[in-house]
C-alpha atoms as a PDB file:
ATOM      1  CA  MET A   1      58.994  10.437  -1.111  1.00  0.00           C
ATOM      2  CA  LYS A   2      58.057   9.313   2.376  1.00  0.00           C
ATOM      3  CA  ARG A   3      55.491   6.527   2.733  1.00  0.00           C
ATOM      4  CA  TYR A   4      53.029   6.144   5.576  1.00  0.00           C
ATOM      5  CA  PRO A   5      51.304   2.893   6.502  1.00  0.00           C
ATOM      6  CA  ILE A   6      47.528   2.775   6.196  1.00  0.00           C
ATOM      7  CA  TYR A   7      45.792   1.424   9.276  1.00  0.00           C
ATOM      8  CA  ARG A   8      42.620  -0.263   8.144  1.00  0.00           C
ATOM      9  CA  GLY A   9      39.808  -0.836  10.582  1.00  0.00           C
ATOM     10  CA  VAL A  10      40.702   2.013  12.923  1.00  0.00           C
ATOM     11  CA  ASP A  11      37.060   3.131  13.065  1.00  0.00           C
ATOM     12  CA  ASN A  12      35.730  -0.358  13.815  1.00  0.00           C
ATOM     13  CA  GLU A  13      34.300  -0.919  17.253  1.00  0.00           C
ATOM     14  CA  ILE A  14      36.033  -3.186  19.730  1.00  0.00           C
ATOM     15  CA  GLU A  15      34.997  -6.839  19.765  1.00  0.00           C
ATOM     16  CA  PHE A  16      35.847  -9.636  22.197  1.00  0.00           C
ATOM     17  CA  LYS A  17      34.206 -13.062  22.345  1.00  0.00           C
ATOM     18  CA  GLY A  18      31.165 -11.839  20.415  1.00  0.00           C
ATOM     19  CA  LEU A  19      30.611  -8.737  22.533  1.00  0.00           C
ATOM     20  CA  ARG A  20      30.742  -5.636  20.388  1.00  0.00           C
ATOM     21  CA  GLY A  21      30.970  -1.974  21.270  1.00  0.00           C
ATOM     22  CA  ARG A  22      29.045  -0.803  24.274  1.00  0.00           C
ATOM     23  CA  TYR A  23      28.104  -4.339  25.308  1.00  0.00           C
ATOM     24  CA  PHE A  24      31.803  -5.068  25.778  1.00  0.00           C
ATOM     25  CA  TYR A  25      32.193  -1.960  27.904  1.00  0.00           C
ATOM     26  CA  TYR A  26      29.171  -2.917  30.006  1.00  0.00           C
ATOM     27  CA  ALA A  27      30.643  -6.376  30.612  1.00  0.00           C
ATOM     28  CA  VAL A  28      34.050  -4.972  31.544  1.00  0.00           C
ATOM     29  CA  GLY A  29      32.508  -2.337  33.821  1.00  0.00           C
ATOM     30  CA  GLY A  30      30.376  -4.965  35.553  1.00  0.00           C
ATOM     31  CA  GLY A  31      33.388  -7.246  36.002  1.00  0.00           C
ATOM     32  CA  VAL A  32      35.543  -4.491  37.491  1.00  0.00           C
ATOM     33  CA  GLY A  33      32.656  -3.447  39.747  1.00  0.00           C
ATOM     34  CA  CYS A  34      32.237  -7.035  40.984  1.00  0.00           C
ATOM     35  CA  ILE A  35      35.939  -7.349  41.753  1.00  0.00           C
ATOM     36  CA  MET A  36      35.950  -4.050  43.651  1.00  0.00           C
ATOM     37  CA  THR A  37      32.862  -5.110  45.587  1.00  0.00           C
ATOM     38  CA  ALA A  38      34.509  -8.424  46.490  1.00  0.00           C
ATOM     39  CA  LEU A  39      37.596  -6.588  47.725  1.00  0.00           C
ATOM     40  CA  PHE A  40      35.447  -4.246  49.785  1.00  0.00           C
ATOM     41  CA  LEU A  41      33.505  -7.171  51.285  1.00  0.00           C
ATOM     42  CA  HIS A  42      36.790  -8.902  52.132  1.00  0.00           C
ATOM     43  CA  ILE A  43      37.994  -5.785  53.939  1.00  0.00           C
ATOM     44  CA  LEU A  44      34.718  -5.697  55.891  1.00  0.00           C
ATOM     45  CA  GLY A  45      35.315  -9.276  57.030  1.00  0.00           C
ATOM     46  CA  VAL A  46      32.658 -11.187  55.093  1.00  0.00           C
ATOM     47  CA  PRO A  47      33.405 -14.940  55.062  1.00  0.00           C
ATOM     48  CA  ILE A  48      35.513 -15.956  52.069  1.00  0.00           C
ATOM     49  CA  LEU A  49      33.064 -18.527  50.665  1.00  0.00           C
ATOM     50  CA  LEU A  50      30.204 -16.031  50.669  1.00  0.00           C
ATOM     51  CA  ASN A  51      32.523 -13.460  49.138  1.00  0.00           C
ATOM     52  CA  LEU A  52      33.562 -15.887  46.375  1.00  0.00           C
ATOM     53  CA  PHE A  53      29.936 -16.769  45.709  1.00  0.00           C
ATOM     54  CA  PHE A  54      29.046 -13.081  45.207  1.00  0.00           C
ATOM     55  CA  LEU A  55      32.121 -12.590  43.038  1.00  0.00           C
ATOM     56  CA  VAL A  56      31.401 -15.537  40.753  1.00  0.00           C
ATOM     57  CA  ALA A  57      27.691 -14.726  40.515  1.00  0.00           C
ATOM     58  CA  GLY A  58      28.425 -11.092  39.719  1.00  0.00           C
ATOM     59  CA  LEU A  59      31.047 -11.909  37.099  1.00  0.00           C
ATOM     60  CA  LEU A  60      28.760 -14.444  35.484  1.00  0.00           C
ATOM     61  CA  ALA A  61      25.867 -11.968  35.402  1.00  0.00           C
ATOM     62  CA  SER A  62      28.079  -9.169  34.070  1.00  0.00           C
ATOM     63  CA  TYR A  63      29.030 -11.411  31.152  1.00  0.00           C
ATOM     64  CA  LEU A  64      25.721 -13.159  30.445  1.00  0.00           C
ATOM     65  CA  ILE A  65      23.420 -10.124  30.539  1.00  0.00           C
ATOM     66  CA  PRO A  66      25.314  -8.103  27.891  1.00  0.00           C
ATOM     67  CA  THR A  67      25.722 -11.185  25.674  1.00  0.00           C
ATOM     68  CA  THR A  68      21.975 -11.881  25.742  1.00  0.00           C
ATOM     69  CA  TYR A  69      21.229  -8.236  24.927  1.00  0.00           C
ATOM     70  CA  ASN A  70      23.823  -8.387  22.159  1.00  0.00           C
ATOM     71  CA  LYS A  71      22.234 -11.487  20.652  1.00  0.00           C
ATOM     72  CA  SER A  72      18.622 -10.363  21.004  1.00  0.00           C
ATOM     73  CA  HIS A  73      18.879  -6.674  20.096  1.00  0.00           C
ATOM     74  CA  GLY A  74      22.002  -6.493  17.959  1.00  0.00           C
ATOM     75  CA  ARG A  75      24.476  -3.704  17.528  1.00  0.00           C
ATOM     76  CA  TRP A  76      22.136  -0.750  18.066  1.00  0.00           C
ATOM     77  CA  GLY A  77      19.745  -2.463  20.485  1.00  0.00           C
ATOM     78  CA  PHE A  78      19.726  -0.014  23.356  1.00  0.00           C
ATOM     79  CA  ASP A  79      19.293   2.923  20.992  1.00  0.00           C
ATOM     80  CA  LYS A  80      16.327   1.245  19.324  1.00  0.00           C
ATOM     81  CA  LEU A  81      14.700   0.413  22.659  1.00  0.00           C
ATOM     82  CA  SER A  82      14.878   4.008  23.878  1.00  0.00           C
ATOM     83  CA  VAL A  83      13.434   5.305  20.592  1.00  0.00           C
ATOM     84  CA  GLN A  84      10.605   2.760  20.680  1.00  0.00           C
ATOM     85  CA  ARG A  85       9.599   4.006  24.128  1.00  0.00           C
ATOM     86  CA  LEU A  86       9.312   7.554  22.772  1.00  0.00           C
ATOM     87  CA  GLN A  87       7.029   6.635  19.868  1.00  0.00           C
ATOM     88  CA  PRO A  88       3.294   6.926  20.485  1.00  0.00           C
ATOM     89  CA  ARG A  89       1.355   3.689  20.616  1.00  0.00           C
ATOM     90  CA  TYR A  90      -1.703   5.116  18.855  1.00  0.00           C
ATOM     91  CA  VAL A  91      -2.953   8.355  17.348  1.00  0.00           C
ATOM     92  CA  VAL A  92      -6.004  10.063  18.831  1.00  0.00           C
ATOM     93  CA  ARG A  93      -8.223  12.248  16.681  1.00  0.00           C
ATOM     94  CA  TYR A  94     -10.882  14.258  18.483  1.00  0.00           C
ATOM     95  CA  GLN A  95     -12.753  15.453  15.380  1.00  0.00           C
ATOM     96  CA  SER A  96     -14.920  13.253  13.245  1.00  0.00           C
ATOM     97  CA  ILE A  97     -14.068  12.649   9.622  1.00  0.00           C
ATOM     98  CA  ARG A  98     -17.190  14.571   8.505  1.00  0.00           C
ATOM     99  CA  SER A  99     -16.135  17.713  10.347  1.00  0.00           C
ATOM    100  CA  LEU A 100     -12.636  17.436   8.883  1.00  0.00           C
ATOM    101  CA  LEU A 101     -14.084  17.122   5.360  1.00  0.00           C
ATOM    102  CA  LYS A 102     -16.469  20.071   5.902  1.00  0.00           C
ATOM    103  CA  ASN A 103     -13.593  22.271   7.051  1.00  0.00           C
ATOM    104  CA  ARG A 104     -11.544  21.212   4.036  1.00  0.00           C
ATOM    105  CA  VAL A 105     -14.405  21.978   1.617  1.00  0.00           C
ATOM    106  CA  ARG A 106     -14.922  25.432   3.215  1.00  0.00           C
ATOM    107  CA  ALA A 107     -11.206  26.210   2.980  1.00  0.00           C
ATOM    108  CA  HIS A 108     -11.169  25.101  -0.670  1.00  0.00           C
ATOM    109  CA  LYS A 109     -14.176  27.324  -1.578  1.00  0.00           C
ATOM    110  CA  ASN A 110     -12.631  30.392   0.087  1.00  0.00           C
ATOM    111  CA  ASN A 111      -9.300  30.023  -1.731  1.00  0.00           C
ATOM    112  CA  PRO A 112      -9.942  29.886  -5.493  1.00  0.00           C
END
């Protein structure tokens, strides 16, 4: 009988230095974008010190922003934030409680 190895943790999300899942992808995407921007600025002839400043600032921001979101909101933070924006802040009722009770009493009398 042939045996196959069992790979445990295949469904787990990727994690690197505390960044999990989509936060890791955001950090990597920001880092690659900063490097490409620095290369483009170098081709345009921007002075090297200014170019390095933008590169370091961009890389630092692309790492720090996802880590702060990861720490403050957790694994499903962005999903929760978008759902919270969709929820109503308060419920408005245009009828008074008396009129609601009168309508309920009338409906109850008509349906024995």
